[in-house]
């Protein structure tokens, strides 16, 4: 497999992941993704922003999020975000504390 094909396949996998998270599973909250997988939609939009910047394209955090989410964060929150319960928040805090200690 050459580099061009590899890049094409990686881009297709990314688009499928994005569609899955942004269209098919809007019910899954970012905190759930963070607690389970250690990354969320915001992480993906940040990685997109970082890749753009590495390629000479300036994007703000808000611009990258809007590109990834397909809408502003305010719209996403209104349409899809729910309040995280205490258990989810505690799990996130303990996972975050563990990550800080390991670095």
PDB file of N, CA and C in Angstrom:
ATOM      1  N   UNK A   1       0.853  -1.173   0.000  1.00  0.00           N
ATOM      2  CA  UNK A   1       0.000   0.000   0.000  1.00  0.00           C
ATOM      3  C   UNK A   1       0.900   1.237   0.000  1.00  0.00           C
ATOM      4  N   UNK A   2       0.642   2.130  -0.944  1.00  0.00           N
ATOM      5  CA  UNK A   2       1.457   3.347  -0.983  1.00  0.00           C
ATOM      6  C   UNK A   2       0.880   4.403  -0.039  1.00  0.00           C
ATOM      7  N   UNK A   3       1.650   5.473   0.177  1.00  0.00           N
ATOM      8  CA  UNK A   3       1.254   6.510   1.133  1.00  0.00           C
ATOM      9  C   UNK A   3      -0.042   7.204   0.735  1.00  0.00           C
ATOM     10  N   UNK A   4      -0.246   7.428  -0.553  1.00  0.00           N
ATOM     11  CA  UNK A   4      -1.464   8.107  -1.004  1.00  0.00           C
ATOM     12  C   UNK A   4      -2.705   7.277  -0.680  1.00  0.00           C
ATOM     13  N   UNK A   5      -2.631   5.981  -0.926  1.00  0.00           N
ATOM     14  CA  UNK A   5      -3.771   5.121  -0.621  1.00  0.00           C
ATOM     15  C   UNK A   5      -3.988   5.038   0.892  1.00  0.00           C
ATOM     16  N   UNK A   6      -2.903   4.927   1.643  1.00  0.00           N
ATOM     17  CA  UNK A   6      -3.010   4.878   3.094  1.00  0.00           C
ATOM     18  C   UNK A   6      -3.700   6.135   3.619  1.00  0.00           C
ATOM     19  N   UNK A   7      -3.298   7.296   3.129  1.00  0.00           N
ATOM     20  CA  UNK A   7      -3.907   8.568   3.538  1.00  0.00           C
ATOM     21  C   UNK A   7      -5.384   8.607   3.155  1.00  0.00           C
ATOM     22  N   UNK A   8      -5.712   8.121   1.974  1.00  0.00           N
ATOM     23  CA  UNK A   8      -7.100   8.084   1.522  1.00  0.00           C
ATOM     24  C   UNK A   8      -7.950   7.203   2.441  1.00  0.00           C
ATOM     25  N   UNK A   9      -7.427   6.050   2.826  1.00  0.00           N
ATOM     26  CA  UNK A   9      -8.153   5.146   3.704  1.00  0.00           C
ATOM     27  C   UNK A   9      -8.298   5.732   5.111  1.00  0.00           C
ATOM     28  N   UNK A  10      -7.240   6.364   5.609  1.00  0.00           N
ATOM     29  CA  UNK A  10      -7.308   7.003   6.927  1.00  0.00           C
ATOM     30  C   UNK A  10      -8.348   8.122   6.926  1.00  0.00           C
ATOM     31  N   UNK A  11      -8.384   8.909   5.858  1.00  0.00           N
ATOM     32  CA  UNK A  11      -9.371   9.987   5.754  1.00  0.00           C
ATOM     33  C   UNK A  11     -10.791   9.424   5.721  1.00  0.00           C
ATOM     34  N   UNK A  12     -10.982   8.326   5.019  1.00  0.00           N
ATOM     35  CA  UNK A  12     -12.307   7.695   4.965  1.00  0.00           C
ATOM     36  C   UNK A  12     -12.715   7.180   6.340  1.00  0.00           C
ATOM     37  N   UNK A  13     -11.774   6.603   7.072  1.00  0.00           N
ATOM     38  CA  UNK A  13     -12.069   6.112   8.427  1.00  0.00           C
ATOM     39  C   UNK A  13     -12.420   7.281   9.345  1.00  0.00           C
ATOM     40  N   UNK A  14     -11.703   8.389   9.219  1.00  0.00           N
ATOM     41  CA  UNK A  14     -12.007   9.576  10.016  1.00  0.00           C
ATOM     42  C   UNK A  14     -13.405  10.101   9.696  1.00  0.00           C
ATOM     43  N   UNK A  15     -13.745  10.167   8.415  1.00  0.00           N
ATOM     44  CA  UNK A  15     -15.081  10.636   8.035  1.00  0.00           C
ATOM     45  C   UNK A  15     -16.167   9.717   8.599  1.00  0.00           C
ATOM     46  N   UNK A  16     -15.915   8.417   8.587  1.00  0.00           N
ATOM     47  CA  UNK A  16     -16.890   7.473   9.149  1.00  0.00           C
ATOM     48  C   UNK A  16     -17.043   7.674  10.655  1.00  0.00           C
ATOM     49  N   UNK A  17     -15.940   7.881  11.360  1.00  0.00           N
ATOM     50  CA  UNK A  17     -15.991   8.139  12.800  1.00  0.00           C
ATOM     51  C   UNK A  17     -16.746   9.431  13.072  1.00  0.00           C
ATOM     52  N   UNK A  18     -16.442  10.459  12.315  1.00  0.00           N
ATOM     53  CA  UNK A  18     -17.123  11.745  12.487  1.00  0.00           C
ATOM     54  C   UNK A  18     -18.622  11.586  12.265  1.00  0.00           C
ATOM     55  N   UNK A  19     -19.017  10.919  11.198  1.00  0.00           N
ATOM     56  CA  UNK A  19     -20.441  10.708  10.917  1.00  0.00           C
ATOM     57  C   UNK A  19     -21.093   9.912  12.048  1.00  0.00           C
ATOM     58  N   UNK A  20     -20.408   8.897  12.513  1.00  0.00           N
ATOM     59  CA  UNK A  20     -20.943   8.076  13.592  1.00  0.00           C
ATOM     60  C   UNK A  20     -21.219   8.918  14.839  1.00  0.00           C
ATOM     61  N   UNK A  21     -20.266   9.771  15.205  1.00  0.00           N
ATOM     62  CA  UNK A  21     -20.407  10.583  16.410  1.00  0.00           C
ATOM     63  C   UNK A  21     -21.333  11.786  16.227  1.00  0.00           C
ATOM     64  N   UNK A  22     -21.381  12.342  15.020  1.00  0.00           N
ATOM     65  CA  UNK A  22     -22.115  13.587  14.812  1.00  0.00           C
ATOM     66  C   UNK A  22     -23.522  13.377  14.265  1.00  0.00           C
ATOM     67  N   UNK A  23     -23.792  12.206  13.699  1.00  0.00           N
ATOM     68  CA  UNK A  23     -25.104  11.959  13.094  1.00  0.00           C
ATOM     69  C   UNK A  23     -25.807  10.784  13.769  1.00  0.00           C
ATOM     70  N   UNK A  24     -25.091   9.680  13.869  1.00  0.00           N
ATOM     71  CA  UNK A  24     -25.715   8.448  14.326  1.00  0.00           C
ATOM     72  C   UNK A  24     -25.764   8.318  15.844  1.00  0.00           C
ATOM     73  N   UNK A  25     -24.820   8.926  16.569  1.00  0.00           N
ATOM     74  CA  UNK A  25     -24.765   8.760  18.031  1.00  0.00           C
ATOM     75  C   UNK A  25     -24.671  10.100  18.756  1.00  0.00           C
ATOM     76  N   UNK A  26     -25.546  11.016  18.398  1.00  0.00           N
ATOM     77  CA  UNK A  26     -25.574  12.300  19.100  1.00  0.00           C
ATOM     78  C   UNK A  26     -25.994  12.130  20.552  1.00  0.00           C
ATOM     79  N   UNK A  27     -26.571  10.964  20.874  1.00  0.00           N
ATOM     80  CA  UNK A  27     -26.988  10.689  22.248  1.00  0.00           C
ATOM     81  C   UNK A  27     -25.810  10.439  23.177  1.00  0.00           C
ATOM     82  N   UNK A  28     -24.672  10.060  22.631  1.00  0.00           N
ATOM     83  CA  UNK A  28     -23.491   9.799  23.452  1.00  0.00           C
ATOM     84  C   UNK A  28     -22.839  11.141  23.791  1.00  0.00           C
ATOM     85  N   UNK A  29     -22.713  11.398  25.071  1.00  0.00           N
ATOM     86  CA  UNK A  29     -22.170  12.663  25.537  1.00  0.00           C
ATOM     87  C   UNK A  29     -20.641  12.648  25.525  1.00  0.00           C
ATOM     88  N   UNK A  30     -20.045  13.825  25.380  1.00  0.00           N
ATOM     89  CA  UNK A  30     -18.587  13.925  25.391  1.00  0.00           C
ATOM     90  C   UNK A  30     -17.986  13.375  26.681  1.00  0.00           C
ATOM     91  N   UNK A  31     -18.630  13.617  27.800  1.00  0.00           N
ATOM     92  CA  UNK A  31     -18.092  13.117  29.067  1.00  0.00           C
ATOM     93  C   UNK A  31     -18.083  11.587  29.068  1.00  0.00           C
ATOM     94  N   UNK A  32     -19.084  10.963  28.433  1.00  0.00           N
ATOM     95  CA  UNK A  32     -19.105   9.501  28.331  1.00  0.00           C
ATOM     96  C   UNK A  32     -17.932   9.008  27.490  1.00  0.00           C
ATOM     97  N   UNK A  33     -17.682   9.698  26.383  1.00  0.00           N
ATOM     98  CA  UNK A  33     -16.539   9.335  25.538  1.00  0.00           C
ATOM     99  C   UNK A  33     -15.228   9.499  26.297  1.00  0.00           C
ATOM    100  N   UNK A  34     -15.093  10.604  27.027  1.00  0.00           N
ATOM    101  CA  UNK A  34     -13.863  10.842  27.787  1.00  0.00           C
ATOM    102  C   UNK A  34     -13.674   9.776  28.858  1.00  0.00           C
ATOM    103  N   UNK A  35     -14.743   9.455  29.568  1.00  0.00           N
ATOM    104  CA  UNK A  35     -14.638   8.462  30.637  1.00  0.00           C
ATOM    105  C   UNK A  35     -14.320   7.074  30.090  1.00  0.00           C
ATOM    106  N   UNK A  36     -14.830   6.753  28.931  1.00  0.00           N
ATOM    107  CA  UNK A  36     -14.626   5.428  28.361  1.00  0.00           C
ATOM    108  C   UNK A  36     -13.346   5.327  27.530  1.00  0.00           C
ATOM    109  N   UNK A  37     -13.132   6.320  26.664  1.00  0.00           N
ATOM    110  CA  UNK A  37     -12.056   6.201  25.681  1.00  0.00           C
ATOM    111  C   UNK A  37     -10.903   7.182  25.880  1.00  0.00           C
ATOM    112  N   UNK A  38     -11.105   8.198  26.705  1.00  0.00           N
ATOM    113  CA  UNK A  38     -10.043   9.168  26.925  1.00  0.00           C
ATOM    114  C   UNK A  38      -9.946  10.239  25.852  1.00  0.00           C
ATOM    115  N   UNK A  39     -10.956  10.317  24.977  1.00  0.00           N
ATOM    116  CA  UNK A  39     -11.039  11.395  23.988  1.00  0.00           C
ATOM    117  C   UNK A  39     -12.507  11.632  23.679  1.00  0.00           C
ATOM    118  N   UNK A  40     -12.790  12.800  23.102  1.00  0.00           N
ATOM    119  CA  UNK A  40     -14.175  13.133  22.769  1.00  0.00           C
ATOM    120  C   UNK A  40     -14.207  13.939  21.473  1.00  0.00           C
ATOM    121  N   UNK A  41     -15.363  14.445  21.144  1.00  0.00           N
ATOM    122  CA  UNK A  41     -15.516  15.244  19.930  1.00  0.00           C
ATOM    123  C   UNK A  41     -14.618  16.472  19.962  1.00  0.00           C
ATOM    124  N   UNK A  42     -14.500  17.095  21.146  1.00  0.00           N
ATOM    125  CA  UNK A  42     -13.636  18.273  21.259  1.00  0.00           C
ATOM    126  C   UNK A  42     -12.178  17.922  20.996  1.00  0.00           C
ATOM    127  N   UNK A  43     -11.748  16.754  21.442  1.00  0.00           N
ATOM    128  CA  UNK A  43     -10.385  16.298  21.158  1.00  0.00           C
ATOM    129  C   UNK A  43     -10.194  16.140  19.651  1.00  0.00           C
ATOM    130  N   UNK A  44     -11.166  15.518  18.997  1.00  0.00           N
ATOM    131  CA  UNK A  44     -11.070  15.326  17.552  1.00  0.00           C
ATOM    132  C   UNK A  44     -11.011  16.665  16.824  1.00  0.00           C
ATOM    133  N   UNK A  45     -11.802  17.632  17.268  1.00  0.00           N
ATOM    134  CA  UNK A  45     -11.750  18.945  16.620  1.00  0.00           C
ATOM    135  C   UNK A  45     -10.415  19.629  16.893  1.00  0.00           C
ATOM    136  N   UNK A  46      -9.836  19.413  18.078  1.00  0.00           N
ATOM    137  CA  UNK A  46      -8.515  19.982  18.386  1.00  0.00           C
ATOM    138  C   UNK A  46      -7.435  19.342  17.517  1.00  0.00           C
ATOM    139  N   UNK A  47      -7.517  18.026  17.341  1.00  0.00           N
ATOM    140  CA  UNK A  47      -6.546  17.348  16.483  1.00  0.00           C
ATOM    141  C   UNK A  47      -6.676  17.830  15.036  1.00  0.00           C
ATOM    142  N   UNK A  48      -7.894  18.109  14.617  1.00  0.00           N
ATOM    143  CA  UNK A  48      -8.135  18.667  13.286  1.00  0.00           C
ATOM    144  C   UNK A  48      -7.471  20.046  13.181  1.00  0.00           C
ATOM    145  N   UNK A  49      -7.667  20.862  14.211  1.00  0.00           N
ATOM    146  CA  UNK A  49      -7.057  22.192  14.250  1.00  0.00           C
ATOM    147  C   UNK A  49      -5.536  22.088  14.204  1.00  0.00           C
ATOM    148  N   UNK A  50      -4.970  21.190  14.981  1.00  0.00           N
ATOM    149  CA  UNK A  50      -3.518  21.019  15.007  1.00  0.00           C
ATOM    150  C   UNK A  50      -2.991  20.573  13.646  1.00  0.00           C
ATOM    151  N   UNK A  51      -3.704  19.659  12.989  1.00  0.00           N
ATOM    152  CA  UNK A  51      -3.288  19.204  11.654  1.00  0.00           C
ATOM    153  C   UNK A  51      -3.359  20.353  10.655  1.00  0.00           C
ATOM    154  N   UNK A  52      -4.394  21.171  10.762  1.00  0.00           N
ATOM    155  CA  UNK A  52      -4.507  22.331   9.868  1.00  0.00           C
ATOM    156  C   UNK A  52      -3.331  23.271  10.074  1.00  0.00           C
ATOM    157  N   UNK A  53      -3.014  23.547  11.331  1.00  0.00           N
ATOM    158  CA  UNK A  53      -1.920  24.464  11.631  1.00  0.00           C
ATOM    159  C   UNK A  53      -0.576  23.908  11.153  1.00  0.00           C
ATOM    160  N   UNK A  54      -0.401  22.581  11.269  1.00  0.00           N
ATOM    161  CA  UNK A  54       0.825  21.955  10.769  1.00  0.00           C
ATOM    162  C   UNK A  54       0.953  22.103   9.252  1.00  0.00           C
ATOM    163  N   UNK A  55      -0.168  22.337   8.599  1.00  0.00           N
ATOM    164  CA  UNK A  55      -0.183  22.498   7.151  1.00  0.00           C
ATOM    165  C   UNK A  55      -0.397  23.949   6.728  1.00  0.00           C
ATOM    166  N   UNK A  56      -0.130  24.869   7.649  1.00  0.00           N
ATOM    167  CA  UNK A  56      -0.164  26.290   7.327  1.00  0.00           C
ATOM    168  C   UNK A  56      -1.540  26.917   7.290  1.00  0.00           C
ATOM    169  N   UNK A  57      -2.558  26.246   7.831  1.00  0.00           N
ATOM    170  CA  UNK A  57      -3.917  26.789   7.862  1.00  0.00           C
ATOM    171  C   UNK A  57      -4.243  27.198   9.286  1.00  0.00           C
ATOM    172  N   UNK A  58      -4.483  28.476   9.486  1.00  0.00           N
ATOM    173  CA  UNK A  58      -4.816  28.989  10.811  1.00  0.00           C
ATOM    174  C   UNK A  58      -6.301  28.770  11.088  1.00  0.00           C
ATOM    175  N   UNK A  59      -6.600  28.071  12.165  1.00  0.00           N
ATOM    176  CA  UNK A  59      -7.974  27.862  12.609  1.00  0.00           C
ATOM    177  C   UNK A  59      -8.040  28.127  14.102  1.00  0.00           C
ATOM    178  N   UNK A  60      -9.045  28.867  14.519  1.00  0.00           N
ATOM    179  CA  UNK A  60      -9.260  29.025  15.956  1.00  0.00           C
ATOM    180  C   UNK A  60      -9.917  27.760  16.494  1.00  0.00           C
ATOM    181  N   UNK A  61      -9.919  27.624  17.810  1.00  0.00           N
ATOM    182  CA  UNK A  61     -10.581  26.482  18.437  1.00  0.00           C
ATOM    183  C   UNK A  61     -12.051  26.455  18.041  1.00  0.00           C
ATOM    184  N   UNK A  62     -12.696  27.608  18.048  1.00  0.00           N
ATOM    185  CA  UNK A  62     -14.108  27.687  17.693  1.00  0.00           C
ATOM    186  C   UNK A  62     -14.346  27.313  16.234  1.00  0.00           C
ATOM    187  N   UNK A  63     -13.473  27.768  15.341  1.00  0.00           N
ATOM    188  CA  UNK A  63     -13.613  27.423  13.918  1.00  0.00           C
ATOM    189  C   UNK A  63     -13.454  25.923  13.696  1.00  0.00           C
ATOM    190  N   UNK A  64     -12.471  25.333  14.351  1.00  0.00           N
ATOM    191  CA  UNK A  64     -12.246  23.897  14.201  1.00  0.00           C
ATOM    192  C   UNK A  64     -13.432  23.108  14.741  1.00  0.00           C
ATOM    193  N   UNK A  65     -13.954  23.540  15.871  1.00  0.00           N
ATOM    194  CA  UNK A  65     -15.126  22.857  16.431  1.00  0.00           C
ATOM    195  C   UNK A  65     -16.324  22.979  15.502  1.00  0.00           C
ATOM    196  N   UNK A  66     -16.533  24.155  14.934  1.00  0.00           N
ATOM    197  CA  UNK A  66     -17.672  24.333  14.031  1.00  0.00           C
ATOM    198  C   UNK A  66     -17.530  23.466  12.787  1.00  0.00           C
ATOM    199  N   UNK A  67     -16.318  23.329  12.281  1.00  0.00           N
ATOM    200  CA  UNK A  67     -16.086  22.446  11.141  1.00  0.00           C
ATOM    201  C   UNK A  67     -16.383  21.010  11.540  1.00  0.00           C
ATOM    202  N   UNK A  68     -15.883  20.584  12.693  1.00  0.00           N
ATOM    203  CA  UNK A  68     -16.086  19.194  13.109  1.00  0.00           C
ATOM    204  C   UNK A  68     -17.534  18.912  13.462  1.00  0.00           C
ATOM    205  N   UNK A  69     -18.144  19.777  14.267  1.00  0.00           N
ATOM    206  CA  UNK A  69     -19.512  19.567  14.720  1.00  0.00           C
ATOM    207  C   UNK A  69     -20.553  19.849  13.623  1.00  0.00           C
ATOM    208  N   UNK A  70     -20.178  20.657  12.648  1.00  0.00           N
ATOM    209  CA  UNK A  70     -21.142  21.034  11.616  1.00  0.00           C
ATOM    210  C   UNK A  70     -22.101  22.116  12.085  1.00  0.00           C
ATOM    211  N   UNK A  71     -21.804  22.715  13.210  1.00  0.00           N
ATOM    212  CA  UNK A  71     -22.606  23.788  13.803  1.00  0.00           C
ATOM    213  C   UNK A  71     -21.780  24.404  14.923  1.00  0.00           C
ATOM    214  N   UNK A  72     -22.263  25.512  15.447  1.00  0.00           N
ATOM    215  CA  UNK A  72     -21.543  26.132  16.563  1.00  0.00           C
ATOM    216  C   UNK A  72     -21.700  25.269  17.806  1.00  0.00           C
ATOM    217  N   UNK A  73     -20.782  25.444  18.759  1.00  0.00           N
ATOM    218  CA  UNK A  73     -20.871  24.708  20.013  1.00  0.00           C
ATOM    219  C   UNK A  73     -22.169  25.050  20.750  1.00  0.00           C
ATOM    220  N   UNK A  74     -22.586  26.301  20.654  1.00  0.00           N
ATOM    221  CA  UNK A  74     -23.825  26.701  21.308  1.00  0.00           C
ATOM    222  C   UNK A  74     -25.008  25.916  20.746  1.00  0.00           C
ATOM    223  N   UNK A  75     -25.056  25.775  19.405  1.00  0.00           N
ATOM    224  CA  UNK A  75     -26.125  24.996  18.778  1.00  0.00           C
ATOM    225  C   UNK A  75     -26.064  23.533  19.212  1.00  0.00           C
ATOM    226  N   UNK A  76     -24.840  22.964  19.222  1.00  0.00           N
ATOM    227  CA  UNK A  76     -24.681  21.567  19.630  1.00  0.00           C
ATOM    228  C   UNK A  76     -25.205  21.369  21.054  1.00  0.00           C
ATOM    229  N   UNK A  77     -24.798  22.261  21.950  1.00  0.00           N
ATOM    230  CA  UNK A  77     -25.205  22.136  23.352  1.00  0.00           C
ATOM    231  C   UNK A  77     -26.724  22.208  23.492  1.00  0.00           C
ATOM    232  N   UNK A  78     -27.342  23.132  22.792  1.00  0.00           N
ATOM    233  CA  UNK A  78     -28.800  23.278  22.851  1.00  0.00           C
ATOM    234  C   UNK A  78     -29.490  22.022  22.332  1.00  0.00           C
ATOM    235  N   UNK A  79     -28.987  21.491  21.226  1.00  0.00           N
ATOM    236  CA  UNK A  79     -29.651  20.365  20.563  1.00  0.00           C
ATOM    237  C   UNK A  79     -29.334  18.996  21.159  1.00  0.00           C
ATOM    238  N   UNK A  80     -28.124  18.814  21.705  1.00  0.00           N
ATOM    239  CA  UNK A  80     -27.699  17.459  22.048  1.00  0.00           C
ATOM    240  C   UNK A  80     -27.101  17.259  23.436  1.00  0.00           C
ATOM    241  N   UNK A  81     -26.550  18.290  24.025  1.00  0.00           N
ATOM    242  CA  UNK A  81     -25.843  18.089  25.288  1.00  0.00           C
ATOM    243  C   UNK A  81     -26.812  18.023  26.458  1.00  0.00           C
ATOM    244  N   UNK A  82     -26.554  17.072  27.334  1.00  0.00           N
ATOM    245  CA  UNK A  82     -27.345  16.950  28.557  1.00  0.00           C
ATOM    246  C   UNK A  82     -26.422  17.153  29.758  1.00  0.00           C
ATOM    247  N   UNK A  83     -27.018  17.403  30.882  1.00  0.00           N
ATOM    248  CA  UNK A  83     -26.245  17.612  32.113  1.00  0.00           C
ATOM    249  C   UNK A  83     -25.625  16.285  32.555  1.00  0.00           C
ATOM    250  N   UNK A  84     -24.348  16.318  32.877  1.00  0.00           N
ATOM    251  CA  UNK A  84     -23.664  15.116  33.369  1.00  0.00           C
ATOM    252  C   UNK A  84     -24.023  14.906  34.832  1.00  0.00           C
ATOM    253  N   UNK A  85     -24.366  13.673  35.165  1.00  0.00           N
ATOM    254  CA  UNK A  85     -24.692  13.393  36.563  1.00  0.00           C
ATOM    255  C   UNK A  85     -23.417  13.375  37.418  1.00  0.00           C
ATOM    256  N   UNK A  86     -23.612  13.310  38.720  1.00  0.00           N
ATOM    257  CA  UNK A  86     -22.496  13.389  39.665  1.00  0.00           C
ATOM    258  C   UNK A  86     -21.488  12.256  39.437  1.00  0.00           C
ATOM    259  N   UNK A  87     -21.982  11.044  39.185  1.00  0.00           N
ATOM    260  CA  UNK A  87     -21.092   9.900  38.977  1.00  0.00           C
ATOM    261  C   UNK A  87     -20.192  10.100  37.755  1.00  0.00           C
ATOM    262  N   UNK A  88     -20.763  10.583  36.657  1.00  0.00           N
ATOM    263  CA  UNK A  88     -19.966  10.840  35.451  1.00  0.00           C
ATOM    264  C   UNK A  88     -18.911  11.909  35.717  1.00  0.00           C
ATOM    265  N   UNK A  89     -19.305  12.954  36.433  1.00  0.00           N
ATOM    266  CA  UNK A  89     -18.364  14.024  36.747  1.00  0.00           C
ATOM    267  C   UNK A  89     -17.238  13.523  37.635  1.00  0.00           C
ATOM    268  N   UNK A  90     -17.569  12.688  38.626  1.00  0.00           N
ATOM    269  CA  UNK A  90     -16.540  12.134  39.512  1.00  0.00           C
ATOM    270  C   UNK A  90     -15.601  11.211  38.749  1.00  0.00           C
ATOM    271  N   UNK A  91     -16.142  10.380  37.866  1.00  0.00           N
ATOM    272  CA  UNK A  91     -15.302   9.502  37.044  1.00  0.00           C
ATOM    273  C   UNK A  91     -14.349  10.313  36.182  1.00  0.00           C
ATOM    274  N   UNK A  92     -14.863  11.393  35.599  1.00  0.00           N
ATOM    275  CA  UNK A  92     -14.029  12.256  34.766  1.00  0.00           C
ATOM    276  C   UNK A  92     -12.928  12.893  35.601  1.00  0.00           C
ATOM    277  N   UNK A  93     -13.288  13.401  36.772  1.00  0.00           N
ATOM    278  CA  UNK A  93     -12.293  14.049  37.635  1.00  0.00           C
ATOM    279  C   UNK A  93     -11.206  13.071  38.073  1.00  0.00           C
ATOM    280  N   UNK A  94     -11.582  11.849  38.429  1.00  0.00           N
ATOM    281  CA  UNK A  94     -10.569  10.888  38.874  1.00  0.00           C
ATOM    282  C   UNK A  94      -9.691  10.458  37.700  1.00  0.00           C
ATOM    283  N   UNK A  95     -10.267  10.289  36.516  1.00  0.00           N
ATOM    284  CA  UNK A  95      -9.462   9.943  35.339  1.00  0.00           C
ATOM    285  C   UNK A  95      -8.515  11.074  34.977  1.00  0.00           C
ATOM    286  N   UNK A  96      -8.991  12.297  35.080  1.00  0.00           N
ATOM    287  CA  UNK A  96      -8.160  13.464  34.780  1.00  0.00           C
ATOM    288  C   UNK A  96      -7.010  13.547  35.771  1.00  0.00           C
ATOM    289  N   UNK A  97      -7.286  13.329  37.040  1.00  0.00           N
ATOM    290  CA  UNK A  97      -6.239  13.363  38.064  1.00  0.00           C
ATOM    291  C   UNK A  97      -5.181  12.299  37.807  1.00  0.00           C
ATOM    292  N   UNK A  98      -5.607  11.114  37.382  1.00  0.00           N
ATOM    293  CA  UNK A  98      -4.659  10.026  37.070  1.00  0.00           C
ATOM    294  C   UNK A  98      -3.791  10.409  35.877  1.00  0.00           C
ATOM    295  N   UNK A  99      -4.379  11.044  34.855  1.00  0.00           N
ATOM    296  CA  UNK A  99      -3.608  11.454  33.683  1.00  0.00           C
ATOM    297  C   UNK A  99      -2.566  12.504  34.035  1.00  0.00           C
ATOM    298  N   UNK A 100      -2.937  13.431  34.904  1.00  0.00           N
ATOM    299  CA  UNK A 100      -1.995  14.482  35.319  1.00  0.00           C
ATOM    300  C   UNK A 100      -0.828  13.862  36.081  1.00  0.00           C
ATOM    301  N   UNK A 101      -1.104  12.881  36.959  1.00  0.00           N
ATOM    302  CA  UNK A 101      -0.055  12.231  37.731  1.00  0.00           C
ATOM    303  C   UNK A 101       0.900  11.462  36.841  1.00  0.00           C
ATOM    304  N   UNK A 102       0.395  10.859  35.774  1.00  0.00           N
ATOM    305  CA  UNK A 102       1.232  10.020  34.920  1.00  0.00           C
ATOM    306  C   UNK A 102       2.116  10.829  33.977  1.00  0.00           C
ATOM    307  N   UNK A 103       1.893  12.123  33.869  1.00  0.00           N
ATOM    308  CA  UNK A 103       2.685  12.955  32.937  1.00  0.00           C
ATOM    309  C   UNK A 103       3.828  13.630  33.613  1.00  0.00           C
TER     310      UNK A 103
END
